[in-house]
Amino acid sequence: MAEFEKFGAIADGPTIDSSGASVKGTIDGVLTRTVVSHVDHRGRVYELINIERDPEFWNDPVIASYVFTIRPGTLKGWGVHEHKDDRYNLISGETMTVLYDARFDSPTYQQVQEVSLTPQGIRQLLIPAGVWHLSVNVAAEETMLVNFPSQPYNYDAPDRLTMPWYSDSIPVDVEKYFPRQQLRRPSAD
């Protein structure tokens, strides 16, 4: 390592253990799920909801649903709900969803968690009320998600607070999810 320090090299720390589980902490109440997927020559089939197989994720009844998309190179957030949970299900694309626990009574108060939603891994994410969230589309195409919130939308008094993505109130450098890199071709020499 000493010979690389002159380049400003920094040792990369572990991100997962030998079983594939994240070594980073998770926010209390946040749940992530991979889904059973069947692939054959015709296409794919995977479950969005299976209350019997996963009663913890589907603890609240399914009473509403909506689809939302995020265009390439953009984000949605910061947003938080005071009363309802979000249950995201990735349909296509890929996002980095960043969470911040703002619940004063939570054992993980002020903790940050990153959840990569991708067709090859985690496709479902439960975000408890009181946890700020922001989703960045990291795919080259539009990303599509279905949400099954734990309460229906209240048209007269929406349960949603927002703040700008660049707010200093949450200790996350959102710009790091939009790297500006210039790729150079190797020289012909």
Protein backbone atom coordinates (compact mmCIF):
# COMPACT_ATOMS: atom_id res chain seq x y z
CA MET A 1 0.00 0.00 0.00
CA ALA A 2 2.83 2.41 0.82
CA GLU A 3 3.97 2.57 -2.81
CA PHE A 4 0.49 3.68 -3.86
CA GLU A 5 0.04 6.40 -1.21
CA LYS A 6 1.88 8.88 -3.43
CA PHE A 7 -1.04 8.59 -5.85
CA GLY A 8 -3.52 9.43 -3.11
CA ALA A 9 -4.72 5.82 -2.95
CA ILE A 10 -7.21 4.99 -0.22
CA ALA A 11 -7.82 1.45 0.99
CA ASP A 12 -11.26 0.21 0.02
CA GLY A 13 -13.21 -1.08 3.01
CA PRO A 14 -15.61 -4.03 2.99
CA THR A 15 -19.16 -3.48 1.78
CA ILE A 16 -20.52 -7.03 2.20
CA ASP A 17 -19.64 -10.07 4.28
CA SER A 18 -18.93 -13.56 2.92
CA SER A 19 -22.68 -14.35 2.80
CA GLY A 20 -23.37 -11.26 0.65
CA ALA A 21 -25.04 -9.27 3.44
CA SER A 22 -24.24 -5.58 3.70
CA VAL A 23 -21.81 -4.63 6.48
CA LYS A 24 -23.27 -1.13 6.55
CA GLY A 25 -26.02 -0.49 9.04
CA THR A 26 -29.64 -0.47 8.08
CA ILE A 27 -32.26 1.97 9.26
CA ASP A 28 -34.76 0.56 11.74
CA GLY A 29 -37.92 -0.54 9.92
CA VAL A 30 -36.44 -0.38 6.41
CA LEU A 31 -36.95 -3.68 4.58
CA THR A 32 -35.44 -4.80 1.28
CA ARG A 33 -36.35 -7.83 -0.77
CA THR A 34 -35.16 -9.70 -3.79
CA VAL A 35 -38.01 -11.38 -5.63
CA VAL A 36 -38.50 -14.87 -6.98
CA SER A 37 -38.13 -14.62 -10.72
CA HIS A 38 -38.88 -17.22 -13.38
CA VAL A 39 -37.11 -16.70 -16.69
CA ASP A 40 -37.59 -18.75 -19.83
CA HIS A 41 -37.46 -18.27 -23.60
CA ARG A 42 -40.73 -16.26 -23.51
CA GLY A 43 -39.77 -13.69 -20.89
CA ARG A 44 -39.90 -13.20 -17.10
CA VAL A 45 -42.40 -13.61 -14.31
CA TYR A 46 -41.85 -12.24 -10.82
CA GLU A 47 -44.15 -11.48 -7.92
CA LEU A 48 -44.97 -7.97 -6.77
CA ILE A 49 -47.15 -9.01 -3.84
CA ASN A 50 -47.29 -12.25 -1.89
CA ILE A 51 -48.77 -11.54 1.53
CA GLU A 52 -48.52 -15.14 2.70
CA ARG A 53 -44.84 -15.46 1.76
CA ASP A 54 -43.80 -12.09 3.19
CA PRO A 55 -46.26 -10.86 5.83
CA GLU A 56 -43.69 -8.48 7.35
CA PHE A 57 -43.31 -6.50 4.10
CA TRP A 58 -47.06 -6.54 3.44
CA ASN A 59 -48.07 -5.96 7.08
CA ASP A 60 -50.40 -3.11 6.11
CA PRO A 61 -53.17 -3.90 3.62
CA VAL A 62 -52.77 -3.00 -0.03
CA ILE A 63 -55.23 -0.14 -0.47
CA ALA A 64 -53.67 1.97 -3.22
CA SER A 65 -50.99 1.79 -5.87
CA TYR A 66 -49.39 4.05 -8.42
CA VAL A 67 -46.57 3.97 -10.95
CA PHE A 68 -43.85 6.59 -11.05
CA THR A 69 -40.84 7.03 -13.28
CA ILE A 70 -37.50 8.79 -13.06
CA ARG A 71 -35.84 10.00 -16.24
CA PRO A 72 -32.16 9.20 -16.88
CA GLY A 73 -29.71 11.48 -15.11
CA THR A 74 -32.36 12.87 -12.75
CA LEU A 75 -33.64 12.27 -9.24
CA LYS A 76 -36.77 12.54 -7.12
CA GLY A 77 -36.58 13.70 -3.52
CA TRP A 78 -36.02 14.60 -0.77
CA GLY A 79 -39.45 13.56 0.47
CA VAL A 80 -40.84 12.19 3.73
CA HIS A 81 -44.23 11.03 4.96
CA GLU A 82 -45.42 11.61 8.50
CA HIS A 83 -48.03 8.83 8.58
CA LYS A 84 -47.63 6.37 5.73
CA ASP A 85 -45.00 3.91 4.58
CA ASP A 86 -43.88 3.54 0.96
CA ARG A 87 -43.43 0.08 -0.56
CA TYR A 88 -41.43 0.44 -3.78
CA ASN A 89 -41.30 -2.29 -6.41
CA LEU A 90 -38.82 -1.85 -9.25
CA ILE A 91 -40.27 -2.68 -12.66
CA SER A 92 -37.46 -1.51 -14.97
CA GLY A 93 -34.28 0.52 -14.83
CA GLU A 94 -32.12 1.01 -11.76
CA THR A 95 -32.05 3.48 -8.87
CA MET A 96 -29.92 4.38 -5.92
CA THR A 97 -32.40 5.25 -3.19
CA VAL A 98 -30.85 7.14 -0.30
CA LEU A 99 -32.60 7.10 3.08
CA TYR A 100 -32.15 9.31 6.15
CA ASP A 101 -33.77 8.46 9.48
CA ALA A 102 -35.28 11.65 10.96
CA ARG A 103 -37.36 9.89 13.64
CA PHE A 104 -36.21 11.21 17.05
CA ASP A 105 -37.32 8.04 18.84
CA SER A 106 -35.65 5.65 16.40
CA PRO A 107 -32.60 3.59 17.43
CA THR A 108 -31.10 4.55 14.06
CA TYR A 109 -31.87 8.29 14.31
CA GLN A 110 -29.75 10.31 11.81
CA GLN A 111 -28.44 7.17 10.08
CA VAL A 112 -28.05 7.16 6.29
CA GLN A 113 -28.69 4.05 4.20
CA GLU A 114 -28.21 3.50 0.48
CA VAL A 115 -30.34 0.92 -1.31
CA SER A 116 -29.58 0.01 -4.90
CA LEU A 117 -32.73 -1.19 -6.65
CA THR A 118 -31.78 -3.29 -9.65
CA PRO A 119 -33.29 -6.15 -11.67
CA GLN A 120 -30.33 -8.34 -10.63
CA GLY A 121 -30.75 -7.78 -6.89
CA ILE A 122 -33.05 -5.90 -4.56
CA ARG A 123 -36.34 -5.02 -6.26
CA GLN A 124 -38.50 -4.14 -3.27
CA LEU A 125 -38.01 -1.49 -0.60
CA LEU A 126 -40.19 -0.58 2.38
CA ILE A 127 -39.59 2.98 3.61
CA PRO A 128 -41.18 3.71 7.01
CA ALA A 129 -42.93 6.98 7.81
CA GLY A 130 -40.43 9.54 9.11
CA VAL A 131 -37.56 8.38 6.88
CA TRP A 132 -36.51 10.91 4.24
CA HIS A 133 -35.86 9.40 0.82
CA LEU A 134 -34.39 10.42 -2.50
CA SER A 135 -34.12 8.22 -5.61
CA VAL A 136 -31.51 8.74 -8.32
CA ASN A 137 -31.91 7.08 -11.71
CA VAL A 138 -28.54 5.47 -12.39
CA ALA A 139 -29.72 3.67 -15.56
CA ALA A 140 -29.37 4.81 -19.15
CA GLU A 141 -33.14 4.55 -19.62
CA GLU A 142 -36.18 5.78 -17.73
CA THR A 143 -36.67 3.86 -14.47
CA MET A 144 -40.17 2.67 -13.54
CA LEU A 145 -41.41 1.77 -10.07
CA VAL A 146 -44.75 0.80 -8.57
CA ASN A 147 -45.53 2.05 -5.07
CA PHE A 148 -48.03 0.40 -2.71
CA PRO A 149 -48.26 3.03 0.07
CA SER A 150 -49.74 1.96 3.39
CA GLN A 151 -52.38 4.70 3.17
CA PRO A 152 -54.23 6.16 0.19
CA TYR A 153 -53.34 9.60 -1.12
CA ASN A 154 -55.18 12.39 0.70
CA TYR A 155 -56.05 14.92 -2.00
CA ASP A 156 -57.07 17.60 0.53
CA ALA A 157 -54.00 17.26 2.78
CA PRO A 158 -51.21 15.20 1.19
CA ASP A 159 -48.95 13.37 3.66
CA ARG A 160 -45.73 14.54 2.06
CA LEU A 161 -43.04 17.02 2.98
CA THR A 162 -40.23 17.89 0.58
CA MET A 163 -36.95 19.75 0.55
CA PRO A 164 -34.38 20.44 -2.20
CA TRP A 165 -31.91 17.66 -3.01
CA TYR A 166 -29.04 20.04 -2.17
CA SER A 167 -30.30 20.78 1.35
CA ASP A 168 -27.67 20.86 4.10
CA SER A 169 -30.25 19.44 6.53
CA ILE A 170 -29.41 15.88 5.46
CA PRO A 171 -25.70 14.90 5.60
CA VAL A 172 -25.53 13.33 2.13
CA ASP A 173 -23.50 14.55 -0.84
CA VAL A 174 -26.09 13.84 -3.54
CA GLU A 175 -23.73 15.05 -6.28
CA LYS A 176 -21.58 11.92 -5.80
CA TYR A 177 -24.33 9.93 -7.52
CA PHE A 178 -23.76 11.94 -10.69
CA PRO A 179 -20.05 11.43 -11.42
CA ARG A 180 -18.54 13.61 -14.08
CA GLN A 181 -15.94 11.50 -15.79
CA GLN A 182 -14.16 11.97 -19.04
CA LEU A 183 -13.23 8.73 -20.70
CA ARG A 184 -10.19 8.75 -22.91
CA ARG A 185 -9.26 6.27 -25.54
CA PRO A 186 -5.90 4.58 -25.14
CA SER A 187 -3.31 6.13 -27.41
CA ALA A 188 -2.34 4.21 -30.53
CA ASP A 189 1.35 4.32 -29.58
